[in-house]
Amino acid sequence: MVRPTRVLSLYEGFFAGGARILHSDVVAGLHAGGDQHHSVLAIASRTHRESTVQRMEDDPRYHRLVRAGVRVTTLGKLVDGDPAAPDSFTDQQLQIAAEAVNSADLILSLKEQPLGILLALRSRGMMPAVPVAACLHRSDPLHSGAALGWLTDAAATGLLTATISCAEATDRAYARAGVAAENRYVIANGVDTDRFRPASRTDRQTTRRGLGITPNAAVIAYAARFDAMKDPGLFLRALALHARQHRGAHYVLCGAGMSWENPAFRALAAECGVEAIAQIHALGIRQDMPSIYQVADIVALTSAFGEASPLCLIEGAACGATPVTTDVGDAAAQVDGIGVVTPRCPETIAQTWQFVLQNRAAFRRRALAARPRLGRQRMLNDYRAATHDMLRREEVAA
């Protein structure tokens, strides 16, 4: 009997974000298939981001992987800004990492930040000859800091076997930045349509009551962390304009730092002219995003840069919400036929929201009709094919 392929994923840490959601879904899905045995090594056990401290043991992605039978270990570092550099690891941490990589047939790095540990192992002569792929999820590699240099070094020296980009925009951007990987794959994101699905009228009304939203009120959802990349200021300026003109609408804001408890969020909201009215629900990190999307008419995105294949847009659409987004990464291609792309203008964004709300029934039908192409099975099949191809190429080269 042929044993399953052993695949190790490297995480910078466990914290809220679309890339971690997506990659954890891929790992759990491939592990469940039986022909691959997955494990995870996290560089950090705690992460300080967007005015929050997020512990690995509290993260829903961590719990999902453990429930799926995926072994998760950590080097126990704290991520507080910059990723862990190759010279920052202790002998004990290097030994833990060496044991993990020596037990793998293939390594997947979630973004470029975890590659520091592989470079550290190589410098000590502890890195085995195993294929390594970097799974890339942004379209602005120059914002990756030192980690971009680690990625280009790994590609140039043969440590990196391949890149797997979630968007064409990502693949092009990293190629322009000098990442010369031997093999390049592009695998568009997909979501679990059993989880992200339209809810019954009863369930929708239950969620609305829990949030304090009246049964027929228009709802605009915004799922993004409080970060310059997401440009929450643009969203808040559009919100202020829309709320003054359409008093009955509700706005549900989710993501790390998107809470009135965050002083920076409060200050930005005041600067943008947002009133702290009952119709604004700044909820911070939520673990029940399907229920949020299910009550939304619109899922909004106002990102300025960095996006590749924004997960919130297709998660919302799979639940029946209409994506309204700025033109970042592959967002325009994602929402083609089911949503609207806007310029970076708060007045135009507010007007577009209202146009969609006035035609919400027609837009909702389009989103729900697109559910088959938004599903995760195609994505899992493509990841499985890419891993098999990398291993086949390695066998031929040997």
Protein backbone atom coordinates (compact mmCIF):
# COMPACT_ATOMS: atom_id res chain seq x y z
CA MET A 1 0.00 0.00 0.00
CA VAL A 2 1.35 3.44 -0.98
CA ARG A 3 1.53 5.80 1.99
CA PRO A 4 -0.05 9.27 1.75
CA THR A 5 2.11 12.20 0.66
CA ARG A 6 3.29 14.08 3.74
CA VAL A 7 2.71 17.83 3.35
CA LEU A 8 3.91 20.42 5.89
CA SER A 9 2.44 23.93 5.87
CA LEU A 10 4.36 26.81 7.43
CA TYR A 11 2.29 29.57 9.05
CA GLU A 12 3.68 32.84 10.38
CA GLY A 13 1.01 32.43 13.05
CA PHE A 14 -2.72 32.02 13.58
CA PHE A 15 -4.65 35.28 13.39
CA ALA A 16 -7.70 36.71 11.63
CA GLY A 17 -7.31 37.11 7.89
CA GLY A 18 -8.46 35.78 4.55
CA ALA A 19 -5.21 34.03 3.62
CA ARG A 20 -5.25 31.95 6.82
CA ILE A 21 -8.91 31.10 6.30
CA LEU A 22 -8.26 30.04 2.71
CA HIS A 23 -5.10 28.03 3.37
CA SER A 24 -6.60 26.27 6.39
CA ASP A 25 -9.56 25.28 4.24
CA VAL A 26 -7.18 23.86 1.63
CA VAL A 27 -5.19 21.92 4.25
CA ALA A 28 -8.29 20.48 5.90
CA GLY A 29 -9.82 19.58 2.54
CA LEU A 30 -6.74 17.87 1.14
CA HIS A 31 -6.09 16.05 4.43
CA ALA A 32 -9.65 14.68 4.34
CA GLY A 33 -9.05 13.25 0.87
CA GLY A 34 -6.83 10.51 2.30
CA ASP A 35 -4.04 10.60 -0.30
CA GLN A 36 -2.21 13.39 1.57
CA HIS A 37 -1.30 13.68 5.25
CA HIS A 38 -1.00 17.31 6.34
CA SER A 39 0.66 18.97 9.32
CA VAL A 40 1.30 22.59 10.27
CA LEU A 41 4.25 24.39 11.87
CA ALA A 42 3.45 27.89 13.16
CA ILE A 43 6.33 30.26 13.77
CA ALA A 44 4.38 32.19 16.41
CA SER A 45 1.93 31.15 19.11
CA ARG A 46 0.74 34.75 19.67
CA THR A 47 0.25 37.65 17.29
CA HIS A 48 -0.16 41.37 18.03
CA ARG A 49 -2.12 42.99 15.19
CA GLU A 50 -4.69 45.77 14.75
CA SER A 51 -4.72 46.59 18.48
CA THR A 52 -5.48 42.99 19.40
CA VAL A 53 -3.44 40.10 20.79
CA GLN A 54 -4.50 36.88 19.08
CA ARG A 55 -3.46 33.53 20.58
CA MET A 56 -3.10 30.42 18.46
CA GLU A 57 -5.19 28.35 20.87
CA ASP A 58 -8.12 30.77 20.48
CA ASP A 59 -8.09 30.86 16.70
CA PRO A 60 -10.93 29.08 14.84
CA ARG A 61 -8.56 28.06 12.02
CA TYR A 62 -6.38 26.28 14.56
CA HIS A 63 -9.38 24.48 16.03
CA ARG A 64 -10.66 23.49 12.62
CA LEU A 65 -7.35 21.92 11.66
CA VAL A 66 -7.07 20.04 14.94
CA ARG A 67 -10.62 18.72 14.55
CA ALA A 68 -9.70 17.56 11.04
CA GLY A 69 -6.82 15.52 12.44
CA VAL A 70 -4.05 17.88 11.26
CA ARG A 71 -1.12 18.04 13.69
CA VAL A 72 -0.24 21.65 14.60
CA THR A 73 3.00 22.60 16.37
CA THR A 74 4.55 25.99 17.06
CA LEU A 75 7.96 27.50 17.68
CA GLY A 76 6.33 29.71 20.31
CA LYS A 77 7.40 33.11 19.01
CA LEU A 78 5.44 36.37 19.30
CA VAL A 79 4.71 38.16 16.02
CA ASP A 80 4.61 41.89 16.69
CA GLY A 81 5.12 43.66 13.40
CA ASP A 82 8.05 42.31 11.41
CA PRO A 83 8.24 38.57 10.56
CA ALA A 84 10.84 36.37 12.26
CA ALA A 85 14.22 36.86 10.58
CA PRO A 86 16.52 33.89 9.85
CA ASP A 87 18.93 34.93 12.61
CA SER A 88 16.20 35.22 15.27
CA PHE A 89 15.67 31.50 15.93
CA THR A 90 17.11 29.65 18.91
CA ASP A 91 18.83 26.27 18.64
CA GLN A 92 15.77 24.64 20.18
CA GLN A 93 13.44 26.27 17.67
CA LEU A 94 15.67 25.19 14.79
CA GLN A 95 15.63 21.62 16.07
CA ILE A 96 11.82 21.59 16.26
CA ALA A 97 11.63 22.97 12.73
CA ALA A 98 14.20 20.48 11.42
CA GLU A 99 12.19 17.56 12.76
CA ALA A 100 9.07 18.91 11.03
CA VAL A 101 10.66 19.51 7.62
CA ASN A 102 12.54 16.21 7.65
CA SER A 103 9.21 14.42 8.08
CA ALA A 104 7.70 16.07 4.98
CA ASP A 105 7.66 15.14 1.30
CA LEU A 106 6.53 18.66 0.36
CA ILE A 107 6.42 22.05 2.13
CA LEU A 108 3.84 24.78 1.56
CA SER A 109 4.67 28.22 2.99
CA LEU A 110 1.62 30.38 3.68
CA LYS A 111 2.92 33.64 2.17
CA GLU A 112 6.60 34.52 2.20
CA GLN A 113 6.95 35.47 5.88
CA PRO A 114 7.62 31.93 7.21
CA LEU A 115 10.52 31.36 4.80
CA GLY A 116 12.93 32.82 7.35
CA ILE A 117 12.94 29.51 9.20
CA LEU A 118 13.88 27.56 6.05
CA LEU A 119 16.73 29.96 5.29
CA ALA A 120 17.92 29.54 8.88
CA LEU A 121 17.88 25.76 8.53
CA ARG A 122 19.76 25.97 5.25
CA SER A 123 22.47 28.16 6.77
CA ARG A 124 23.01 25.50 9.46
CA GLY A 125 23.05 22.64 6.96
CA MET A 126 19.76 21.33 8.39
CA MET A 127 17.49 21.82 5.34
CA PRO A 128 16.67 18.62 3.41
CA ALA A 129 16.20 18.47 -0.35
CA VAL A 130 12.41 18.71 -0.35
CA PRO A 131 10.15 20.69 -2.73
CA VAL A 132 8.99 24.04 -1.29
CA ALA A 133 6.12 26.12 -2.64
CA ALA A 134 5.19 29.61 -1.47
CA CYS A 135 1.42 30.19 -1.45
CA LEU A 136 1.03 33.89 -2.27
CA HIS A 137 -2.04 35.96 -1.44
CA ARG A 138 -1.32 39.61 -2.17
CA SER A 139 -0.64 41.84 -5.15
CA ASP A 140 1.82 44.26 -3.52
CA PRO A 141 4.93 42.21 -2.68
CA LEU A 142 6.95 45.37 -2.01
CA HIS A 143 4.89 45.79 1.19
CA SER A 144 6.25 42.46 2.46
CA GLY A 145 9.43 44.07 3.76
CA ALA A 146 12.39 41.78 4.37
CA ALA A 147 10.29 38.70 3.59
CA LEU A 148 10.29 39.58 -0.10
CA GLY A 149 14.09 39.34 -0.05
CA TRP A 150 13.87 35.92 1.58
CA LEU A 151 11.47 34.81 -1.16
CA THR A 152 13.63 36.07 -4.02
CA ASP A 153 16.73 34.51 -2.41
CA ALA A 154 14.95 31.19 -1.96
CA ALA A 155 13.83 31.22 -5.60
CA ALA A 156 17.22 32.25 -6.97
CA THR A 157 19.12 29.59 -5.03
CA GLY A 158 16.76 26.72 -5.74
CA LEU A 159 15.36 26.39 -2.21
CA LEU A 160 11.96 27.45 -3.57
CA THR A 161 10.49 25.04 -6.10
CA ALA A 162 7.28 26.88 -7.00
CA THR A 163 4.86 29.67 -6.29
CA ILE A 164 1.11 29.13 -6.00
CA SER A 165 -0.73 32.44 -6.47
CA CYS A 166 -4.39 32.93 -5.71
CA ALA A 167 -4.78 35.51 -8.48
CA GLU A 168 -3.28 36.43 -11.83
CA ALA A 169 -2.53 39.86 -10.34
CA THR A 170 -0.47 38.17 -7.64
CA ASP A 171 1.50 36.04 -10.08
CA ARG A 172 2.35 39.06 -12.23
CA ALA A 173 3.28 41.26 -9.27
CA TYR A 174 5.74 38.76 -7.76
CA ALA A 175 7.29 38.08 -11.15
CA ARG A 176 7.85 41.82 -11.59
CA ALA A 177 9.38 41.93 -8.09
CA GLY A 178 12.03 39.44 -9.17
CA VAL A 179 10.69 36.16 -7.79
CA ALA A 180 12.00 33.73 -10.40
CA ALA A 181 10.45 30.46 -9.24
CA GLU A 182 11.06 27.43 -11.43
CA ASN A 183 7.32 26.64 -11.50
CA ARG A 184 4.37 29.00 -11.18
CA TYR A 185 0.74 28.03 -10.55
CA VAL A 186 -2.35 30.23 -10.29
CA ILE A 187 -5.26 28.75 -8.33
CA ALA A 188 -8.24 31.04 -7.79
CA ASN A 189 -9.89 31.05 -4.38
CA GLY A 190 -13.04 29.08 -3.65
CA VAL A 191 -15.28 28.83 -0.60
CA ASP A 192 -17.23 26.13 1.20
CA THR A 193 -20.69 26.69 -0.25
CA ASP A 194 -22.20 24.33 2.32
CA ARG A 195 -21.13 26.83 4.99
CA PHE A 196 -21.51 30.04 2.98
CA ARG A 197 -25.04 29.68 1.72
CA PRO A 198 -28.32 31.60 1.82
CA ALA A 199 -30.25 31.20 5.06
CA SER A 200 -33.91 30.64 5.63
CA ARG A 201 -36.08 33.66 6.28
CA THR A 202 -36.42 32.54 9.91
CA ASP A 203 -32.67 32.31 10.44
CA ARG A 204 -32.13 35.68 8.77
CA GLN A 205 -34.65 37.35 11.02
CA THR A 206 -33.12 35.68 14.09
CA THR A 207 -29.70 37.09 13.22
CA ARG A 208 -31.17 40.52 12.52
CA ARG A 209 -32.93 40.57 15.88
CA GLY A 210 -29.69 39.61 17.60
CA LEU A 211 -27.93 42.55 15.95
CA GLY A 212 -30.79 44.98 16.52
CA ILE A 213 -31.64 45.28 12.83
CA THR A 214 -35.27 45.60 11.76
CA PRO A 215 -36.65 42.90 9.41
CA ASN A 216 -36.66 44.87 6.14
CA ALA A 217 -33.81 47.31 6.69
CA ALA A 218 -31.05 47.51 4.09
CA VAL A 219 -27.75 46.05 5.36
CA ILE A 220 -24.24 46.80 4.11
CA ALA A 221 -21.51 44.51 5.47
CA TYR A 222 -17.80 45.32 5.59
CA ALA A 223 -15.44 42.47 6.47
CA ALA A 224 -11.88 43.79 6.75
CA ARG A 225 -9.23 44.34 9.38
CA PHE A 226 -8.38 47.88 10.52
CA ASP A 227 -5.39 48.34 8.24
CA ALA A 228 -4.27 50.90 5.65
CA MET A 229 -4.38 48.21 2.97
CA LYS A 230 -8.14 47.88 3.48
CA ASP A 231 -8.59 51.70 3.57
CA PRO A 232 -11.31 51.76 6.24
CA GLY A 233 -11.29 55.56 5.94
CA LEU A 234 -12.71 55.36 2.43
CA PHE A 235 -15.43 53.00 3.63
CA LEU A 236 -16.27 55.25 6.59
CA ARG A 237 -16.47 58.36 4.40
CA ALA A 238 -18.86 56.54 2.05
CA LEU A 239 -20.82 55.32 5.07
CA ALA A 240 -21.15 58.85 6.46
CA LEU A 241 -22.53 60.11 3.15
CA HIS A 242 -24.91 57.19 2.70
CA ALA A 243 -26.18 57.29 6.29
CA ARG A 244 -27.07 60.99 6.04
CA GLN A 245 -29.08 60.37 2.87
CA HIS A 246 -30.68 57.03 3.77
CA ARG A 247 -31.47 56.93 7.46
CA GLY A 248 -32.92 53.43 7.52
CA ALA A 249 -29.83 51.52 6.38
CA HIS A 250 -27.63 49.49 8.75
CA TYR A 251 -23.87 48.97 8.48
CA VAL A 252 -22.18 45.86 9.93
CA LEU A 253 -18.39 46.13 10.29
CA CYS A 254 -16.33 43.04 11.12
CA GLY A 255 -12.60 42.42 11.42
CA ALA A 256 -9.67 42.87 13.76
CA GLY A 257 -9.67 46.42 15.09
CA MET A 258 -13.05 47.29 13.53
CA SER A 259 -14.61 48.12 16.87
CA TRP A 260 -15.53 51.20 18.91
CA GLU A 261 -13.19 49.79 21.55
CA ASN A 262 -10.24 50.56 19.24
CA PRO A 263 -9.20 54.22 19.85
CA ALA A 264 -7.74 54.47 16.33
CA PHE A 265 -11.05 53.31 14.83
CA ARG A 266 -13.00 55.85 16.92
CA ALA A 267 -10.66 58.64 15.87
CA LEU A 268 -10.90 57.72 12.17
CA ALA A 269 -14.69 57.45 12.32
CA ALA A 270 -14.91 60.94 13.84
CA GLU A 271 -12.50 62.31 11.23
CA CYS A 272 -14.68 60.84 8.46
CA GLY A 273 -17.85 62.37 9.86
CA VAL A 274 -19.37 59.12 11.07
CA GLU A 275 -21.88 59.48 13.85
CA ALA A 276 -22.04 56.75 16.52
CA ILE A 277 -25.63 55.87 15.66
CA ALA A 278 -27.42 52.63 16.47
CA GLN A 279 -27.41 51.60 12.80
CA ILE A 280 -23.62 51.20 12.83
CA HIS A 281 -22.59 47.82 14.24
CA ALA A 282 -18.80 47.77 14.68
CA LEU A 283 -18.39 44.17 15.84
CA GLY A 284 -14.63 43.49 15.61
CA ILE A 285 -13.56 39.89 15.05
CA ARG A 286 -16.50 37.56 14.42
CA GLN A 287 -16.52 33.79 14.07
CA ASP A 288 -20.01 33.65 12.54
CA MET A 289 -19.37 35.38 9.22
CA PRO A 290 -21.85 33.26 7.23
CA SER A 291 -24.69 34.58 9.39
CA ILE A 292 -23.45 38.16 8.85
CA TYR A 293 -23.34 37.77 5.08
CA GLN A 294 -26.73 36.05 5.10
CA VAL A 295 -28.46 39.19 6.42
CA ALA A 296 -26.48 41.56 4.18
CA ASP A 297 -27.66 43.05 0.91
CA ILE A 298 -24.17 44.28 0.04
CA VAL A 299 -20.66 43.11 0.95
CA ALA A 300 -18.40 46.14 0.51
CA LEU A 301 -14.65 46.33 -0.04
CA THR A 302 -12.68 49.59 -0.31
CA SER A 303 -9.10 48.30 -0.32
CA ALA A 304 -6.35 50.56 -1.68
CA PHE A 305 -3.69 47.96 -2.48
CA GLY A 306 -2.47 44.47 -1.71
CA GLU A 307 -5.62 42.50 -2.44
CA ALA A 308 -5.31 39.50 -4.72
CA SER A 309 -8.51 37.44 -4.74
CA PRO A 310 -10.54 38.93 -1.85
CA LEU A 311 -12.28 36.13 -0.01
CA CYS A 312 -15.02 38.30 1.52
CA LEU A 313 -16.46 39.10 -1.92
CA ILE A 314 -17.14 35.48 -2.87
CA GLU A 315 -18.13 34.47 0.66
CA GLY A 316 -20.75 37.22 0.65
CA ALA A 317 -21.94 36.41 -2.86
CA ALA A 318 -22.35 32.72 -1.97
CA CYS A 319 -24.73 33.85 0.78
CA GLY A 320 -26.69 36.13 -1.58
CA ALA A 321 -25.04 39.50 -0.91
CA THR A 322 -23.90 41.72 -3.78
CA PRO A 323 -20.16 42.54 -3.90
CA VAL A 324 -19.33 46.23 -4.35
CA THR A 325 -15.57 46.72 -4.52
CA THR A 326 -12.75 48.97 -5.59
CA ASP A 327 -10.59 47.73 -8.46
CA VAL A 328 -7.84 45.84 -6.63
CA GLY A 329 -6.12 42.57 -7.54
CA ASP A 330 -8.49 40.20 -9.34
CA ALA A 331 -11.57 41.69 -7.64
CA ALA A 332 -13.09 42.94 -10.90
CA ALA A 333 -12.87 39.47 -12.45
CA GLN A 334 -14.29 37.90 -9.29
CA VAL A 335 -17.44 40.03 -9.25
CA ASP A 336 -18.01 40.11 -13.01
CA GLY A 337 -21.71 39.57 -13.59
CA ILE A 338 -22.63 39.50 -9.89
CA GLY A 339 -21.37 42.79 -8.46
CA VAL A 340 -20.11 46.29 -9.14
CA VAL A 341 -16.62 47.82 -9.30
CA THR A 342 -16.35 51.46 -8.18
CA PRO A 343 -13.70 54.17 -8.37
CA ARG A 344 -12.04 55.28 -5.14
CA CYS A 345 -14.59 58.03 -4.54
CA PRO A 346 -16.81 58.02 -1.42
CA GLU A 347 -19.65 59.82 -3.20
CA THR A 348 -19.69 57.29 -6.05
CA ILE A 349 -19.43 54.36 -3.63
CA ALA A 350 -22.40 55.65 -1.61
CA GLN A 351 -24.41 56.16 -4.80
CA THR A 352 -23.53 52.65 -6.00
CA TRP A 353 -24.64 51.15 -2.70
CA GLN A 354 -28.00 52.83 -3.10
CA PHE A 355 -28.36 51.69 -6.73
CA VAL A 356 -27.74 48.09 -5.66
CA LEU A 357 -30.18 48.40 -2.77
CA GLN A 358 -32.86 49.73 -5.10
CA ASN A 359 -32.33 46.68 -7.31
CA ARG A 360 -31.43 44.19 -4.59
CA ALA A 361 -33.74 41.38 -5.74
CA ALA A 362 -32.18 41.23 -9.21
CA PHE A 363 -28.62 41.44 -7.84
CA ARG A 364 -29.36 38.73 -5.27
CA ARG A 365 -30.56 36.36 -8.02
CA ARG A 366 -27.29 36.88 -9.91
CA ALA A 367 -25.17 36.16 -6.83
CA LEU A 368 -27.03 32.96 -5.99
CA ALA A 369 -26.88 31.76 -9.61
CA ALA A 370 -23.07 32.07 -9.45
CA ARG A 371 -22.68 29.76 -6.45
CA PRO A 372 -21.42 26.75 -8.49
CA ARG A 373 -18.36 28.66 -9.73
CA LEU A 374 -17.59 30.01 -6.25
CA GLY A 375 -17.21 26.58 -4.61
CA ARG A 376 -14.04 25.12 -3.12
CA GLN A 377 -13.92 21.71 -4.85
CA ARG A 378 -12.34 23.11 -8.01
CA MET A 379 -9.74 24.86 -5.83
CA LEU A 380 -8.94 21.67 -3.91
CA ASN A 381 -8.59 19.70 -7.14
CA ASP A 382 -6.19 22.31 -8.51
CA TYR A 383 -4.07 22.29 -5.33
CA ARG A 384 -3.92 18.50 -5.39
CA ALA A 385 -2.84 18.56 -9.03
CA ALA A 386 -0.17 21.20 -8.31
CA THR A 387 1.32 19.20 -5.42
CA HIS A 388 1.40 16.04 -7.54
CA ASP A 389 3.08 17.95 -10.36
CA MET A 390 5.79 19.32 -8.03
CA LEU A 391 6.54 15.89 -6.66
CA ARG A 392 6.62 14.37 -10.16
CA ARG A 393 9.06 17.04 -11.33
CA GLU A 394 11.23 16.35 -8.29
CA GLU A 395 11.31 12.62 -9.06
CA VAL A 396 12.25 13.30 -12.71
CA ALA A 397 15.00 15.71 -11.67
CA ALA A 398 16.40 13.16 -9.23
